[in-house]
């Protein structure tokens, strides 16, 4: 019984891992249950033993992705980097986890799975807002960011802008590659809040990352 349960857990995790990979590479709508089954060399019926339908698998995938990224971000924040380098390290980690995050998968998630997308966005905002508030406070305390900043406003406008640059209509993929765009946006953000000391560190961070 124990072995059977363990094998079932491993299979469920295998399906979820493959689904995550395919969803982020090809899109949440584009990938079918047949595609996932074919990649794993199993029957679609086997997938349905663990996930009742595609909607359930997409929900599990986004939840798993959020938890993985949240854990990674927390690990980076514990490393003791200065506020500027911390932001660049988090951005690099997120790009790696999201396969350089083509905007298409998230666009498909929003369009075809709106309830899941809305739930994910609420969780993303909560996590990012908390991280940004802490980063801004650390930057101010260490003299890298200006002391007169409105922390609540900046933390919220940063999230809004980060979501905005993933809009395919405003930032067409043929004009703005997502990885380059997020780097430009981060530089834009820090230049707007940094002191002279912070700008010097920004120059080093741009070269390093």
Protein backbone atom coordinates (compact mmCIF):
# COMPACT_ATOMS: atom_id res chain seq x y z
CA UNK A 1 0.00 0.00 0.00
CA UNK A 2 2.79 2.45 0.93
CA UNK A 3 4.71 1.71 -2.29
CA UNK A 4 1.55 2.19 -4.32
CA UNK A 5 0.85 5.54 -2.66
CA UNK A 6 4.45 6.65 -3.16
CA UNK A 7 4.33 5.74 -6.84
CA UNK A 8 1.10 7.64 -7.21
CA UNK A 9 2.62 10.74 -5.61
CA UNK A 10 5.64 10.50 -7.91
CA UNK A 11 3.44 10.15 -10.99
CA UNK A 12 1.33 13.14 -9.99
CA UNK A 13 4.47 15.23 -9.49
CA UNK A 14 5.88 14.05 -12.83
CA UNK A 15 2.72 15.08 -14.64
CA UNK A 16 2.72 18.47 -12.94
CA UNK A 17 6.39 19.10 -13.71
CA UNK A 18 5.94 18.29 -17.38
CA UNK A 19 2.77 20.39 -17.57
CA UNK A 20 4.58 23.36 -16.00
CA UNK A 21 7.37 23.07 -18.54
CA UNK A 22 5.05 22.83 -21.52
CA UNK A 23 2.62 25.52 -20.36
CA UNK A 24 5.43 28.06 -19.88
CA UNK A 25 7.06 27.19 -23.19
CA UNK A 26 4.02 26.84 -25.45
CA UNK A 27 1.11 28.42 -23.59
CA UNK A 28 -1.67 27.34 -21.25
CA UNK A 29 -4.23 27.15 -24.07
CA UNK A 30 -1.95 25.71 -26.76
CA UNK A 31 -0.93 22.65 -24.74
CA UNK A 32 -3.53 19.89 -24.59
CA UNK A 33 -3.82 16.93 -22.26
CA UNK A 34 -2.96 14.74 -25.27
CA UNK A 35 0.26 16.70 -25.74
CA UNK A 36 1.28 16.18 -22.13
CA UNK A 37 0.44 12.48 -22.26
CA UNK A 38 2.46 12.06 -25.45
CA UNK A 39 5.49 13.81 -23.95
CA UNK A 40 5.38 11.55 -20.91
CA UNK A 41 4.64 8.38 -22.88
CA UNK A 42 1.48 7.66 -20.91
CA UNK A 43 -2.21 7.63 -21.74
CA UNK A 44 -4.44 10.65 -21.27
CA UNK A 45 -6.56 8.44 -19.02
CA UNK A 46 -3.62 8.20 -16.62
CA UNK A 47 -3.49 11.99 -16.30
CA UNK A 48 -7.20 12.10 -15.53
CA UNK A 49 -6.60 9.76 -12.61
CA UNK A 50 -4.70 12.60 -10.92
CA UNK A 51 -6.25 15.72 -12.44
CA UNK A 52 -9.96 15.64 -13.24
CA UNK A 53 -9.65 18.09 -16.14
CA UNK A 54 -7.32 20.59 -17.73
CA UNK A 55 -8.63 23.45 -15.62
CA UNK A 56 -7.58 21.57 -12.48
CA UNK A 57 -4.13 20.90 -13.95
CA UNK A 58 -3.67 24.55 -14.92
CA UNK A 59 -4.69 25.61 -11.42
CA UNK A 60 -2.21 23.17 -9.87
CA UNK A 61 0.49 24.35 -12.26
CA UNK A 62 0.10 28.04 -11.43
CA UNK A 63 -0.04 27.31 -7.70
CA UNK A 64 3.14 25.22 -7.92
CA UNK A 65 4.88 27.90 -9.96
CA UNK A 66 3.94 30.59 -7.45
CA UNK A 67 5.21 28.56 -4.49
CA UNK A 68 8.48 27.73 -6.27
CA UNK A 69 9.15 31.34 -7.15
CA UNK A 70 8.14 32.60 -3.70
CA UNK A 71 10.58 30.21 -2.03
CA UNK A 72 13.36 31.22 -4.42
CA UNK A 73 12.74 34.93 -3.87
CA UNK A 74 12.81 34.48 -0.10
CA UNK A 75 16.11 32.60 -0.40
CA UNK A 76 17.65 35.45 -2.41
CA UNK A 77 16.43 38.02 0.11
CA UNK A 78 18.21 36.12 2.88
CA UNK A 79 21.58 36.36 1.11
CA UNK A 80 22.33 39.87 2.36
CA UNK A 81 22.73 41.63 -0.99
CA UNK A 82 22.32 45.39 -1.11
CA UNK A 83 18.89 46.63 -2.23
CA UNK A 84 19.88 47.25 -5.86
CA UNK A 85 21.63 43.92 -6.43
CA UNK A 86 18.80 42.12 -4.66
CA UNK A 87 16.35 43.39 -7.28
CA UNK A 88 18.57 42.26 -10.15
CA UNK A 89 19.15 38.84 -8.55
CA UNK A 90 15.39 38.34 -8.11
CA UNK A 91 14.74 39.34 -11.72
CA UNK A 92 17.36 36.90 -13.00
CA UNK A 93 15.92 34.07 -10.89
CA UNK A 94 12.41 34.73 -12.14
CA UNK A 95 13.53 34.76 -15.76
CA UNK A 96 15.21 31.40 -15.23
CA UNK A 97 12.15 29.90 -13.58
CA UNK A 98 9.79 31.24 -16.22
CA UNK A 99 11.99 30.18 -19.17
CA UNK A 100 12.65 33.86 -19.95
CA UNK A 101 8.90 34.30 -19.72
CA UNK A 102 7.47 34.76 -23.15
CA UNK A 103 4.39 36.92 -22.69
CA UNK A 104 2.23 34.45 -24.67
CA UNK A 105 1.63 31.87 -21.89
CA UNK A 106 0.43 34.48 -19.40
CA UNK A 107 -1.70 36.13 -22.07
CA UNK A 108 -3.35 32.77 -22.75
CA UNK A 109 -3.81 32.18 -19.03
CA UNK A 110 -5.58 35.52 -18.65
CA UNK A 111 -7.77 35.04 -21.73
CA UNK A 112 -8.78 31.40 -21.42
CA UNK A 113 -8.50 30.80 -17.65
CA UNK A 114 -9.57 34.19 -16.22
CA UNK A 115 -10.50 32.97 -12.73
CA UNK A 116 -7.17 31.20 -12.27
CA UNK A 117 -5.33 34.21 -13.69
CA UNK A 118 -7.12 36.61 -11.35
CA UNK A 119 -6.34 34.42 -8.32
CA UNK A 120 -2.69 34.19 -9.33
CA UNK A 121 -2.46 37.94 -9.79
CA UNK A 122 -3.78 38.57 -6.28
CA UNK A 123 -1.13 36.25 -4.83
CA UNK A 124 1.58 37.79 -7.02
CA UNK A 125 0.69 41.29 -5.89
CA UNK A 126 0.70 40.29 -2.23
CA UNK A 127 4.12 38.70 -2.53
CA UNK A 128 5.68 41.40 -4.70
CA UNK A 129 4.24 44.23 -2.63
CA UNK A 130 5.75 42.82 0.54
CA UNK A 131 9.13 42.25 -1.12
CA UNK A 132 9.16 45.70 -2.66
CA UNK A 133 8.28 47.47 0.59
CA UNK A 134 11.13 45.67 2.36
CA UNK A 135 13.53 46.43 -0.51
CA UNK A 136 12.64 50.11 -0.52
CA UNK A 137 13.06 50.38 3.23
CA UNK A 138 16.44 48.64 3.06
CA UNK A 139 17.55 50.90 0.21
CA UNK A 140 16.58 54.02 2.14
CA UNK A 141 18.27 52.84 5.33
CA UNK A 142 21.53 52.12 3.49
CA UNK A 143 21.52 55.36 1.52
CA UNK A 144 20.96 53.75 -1.90
CA UNK A 145 17.43 55.10 -2.34
CA UNK A 146 16.16 58.61 -1.62
CA UNK A 147 14.74 59.18 1.84
CA UNK A 148 11.67 61.07 0.57
CA UNK A 149 10.13 58.17 -1.33
CA UNK A 150 6.46 57.26 -1.00
CA UNK A 151 6.98 53.57 -0.38
CA UNK A 152 3.37 52.50 -0.81
CA UNK A 153 3.00 54.32 -4.12
CA UNK A 154 6.28 53.05 -5.58
CA UNK A 155 5.69 49.44 -4.55
CA UNK A 156 2.30 49.49 -6.25
CA UNK A 157 3.34 51.36 -9.39
CA UNK A 158 6.26 48.94 -9.85
CA UNK A 159 3.88 45.97 -9.88
CA UNK A 160 1.51 47.78 -12.25
CA UNK A 161 4.33 48.55 -14.67
CA UNK A 162 5.71 45.03 -14.55
CA UNK A 163 2.30 43.66 -15.48
CA UNK A 164 1.89 46.33 -18.15
CA UNK A 165 5.04 45.53 -20.11
CA UNK A 166 3.71 42.00 -20.64
CA UNK A 167 0.74 43.35 -22.58
CA UNK A 168 1.27 42.14 -26.16
CA UNK A 169 -0.73 44.96 -27.66
CA UNK A 170 1.23 47.75 -25.97
CA UNK A 171 4.59 45.97 -26.08
CA UNK A 172 4.51 43.76 -29.22
CA UNK A 173 6.87 40.76 -28.86
CA UNK A 174 8.51 41.56 -32.22
CA UNK A 175 9.56 44.94 -30.80
CA UNK A 176 10.20 44.15 -27.13
CA UNK A 177 11.75 40.82 -26.12
CA UNK A 178 10.40 40.18 -22.62
CA UNK A 179 13.72 39.51 -20.88
CA UNK A 180 15.26 42.71 -22.25
CA UNK A 181 12.10 44.67 -21.45
CA UNK A 182 12.07 43.59 -17.80
CA UNK A 183 15.72 44.57 -17.45
CA UNK A 184 15.06 47.98 -18.99
CA UNK A 185 12.09 48.44 -16.68
CA UNK A 186 14.11 47.54 -13.59
CA UNK A 187 16.85 50.00 -14.59
CA UNK A 188 14.18 52.66 -15.20
CA UNK A 189 12.68 51.95 -11.77
CA UNK A 190 15.95 52.19 -9.86
CA UNK A 191 17.14 55.33 -11.67
CA UNK A 192 13.96 57.03 -10.52
CA UNK A 193 14.52 56.30 -6.83
CA UNK A 194 18.30 55.98 -6.37
CA UNK A 195 20.76 58.36 -4.73
CA UNK A 196 24.16 59.05 -6.30
CA UNK A 197 25.52 56.18 -4.23
CA UNK A 198 22.75 53.94 -5.51
CA UNK A 199 23.38 54.91 -9.13
CA UNK A 200 27.01 53.81 -8.84
CA UNK A 201 25.91 50.41 -7.57
CA UNK A 202 23.32 50.27 -10.35
CA UNK A 203 26.07 50.62 -12.97
CA UNK A 204 27.92 47.65 -11.46
CA UNK A 205 24.71 45.62 -11.22
CA UNK A 206 23.89 46.20 -14.91
CA UNK A 207 27.32 44.84 -15.88
CA UNK A 208 27.12 41.92 -13.42
CA UNK A 209 23.63 40.77 -14.37
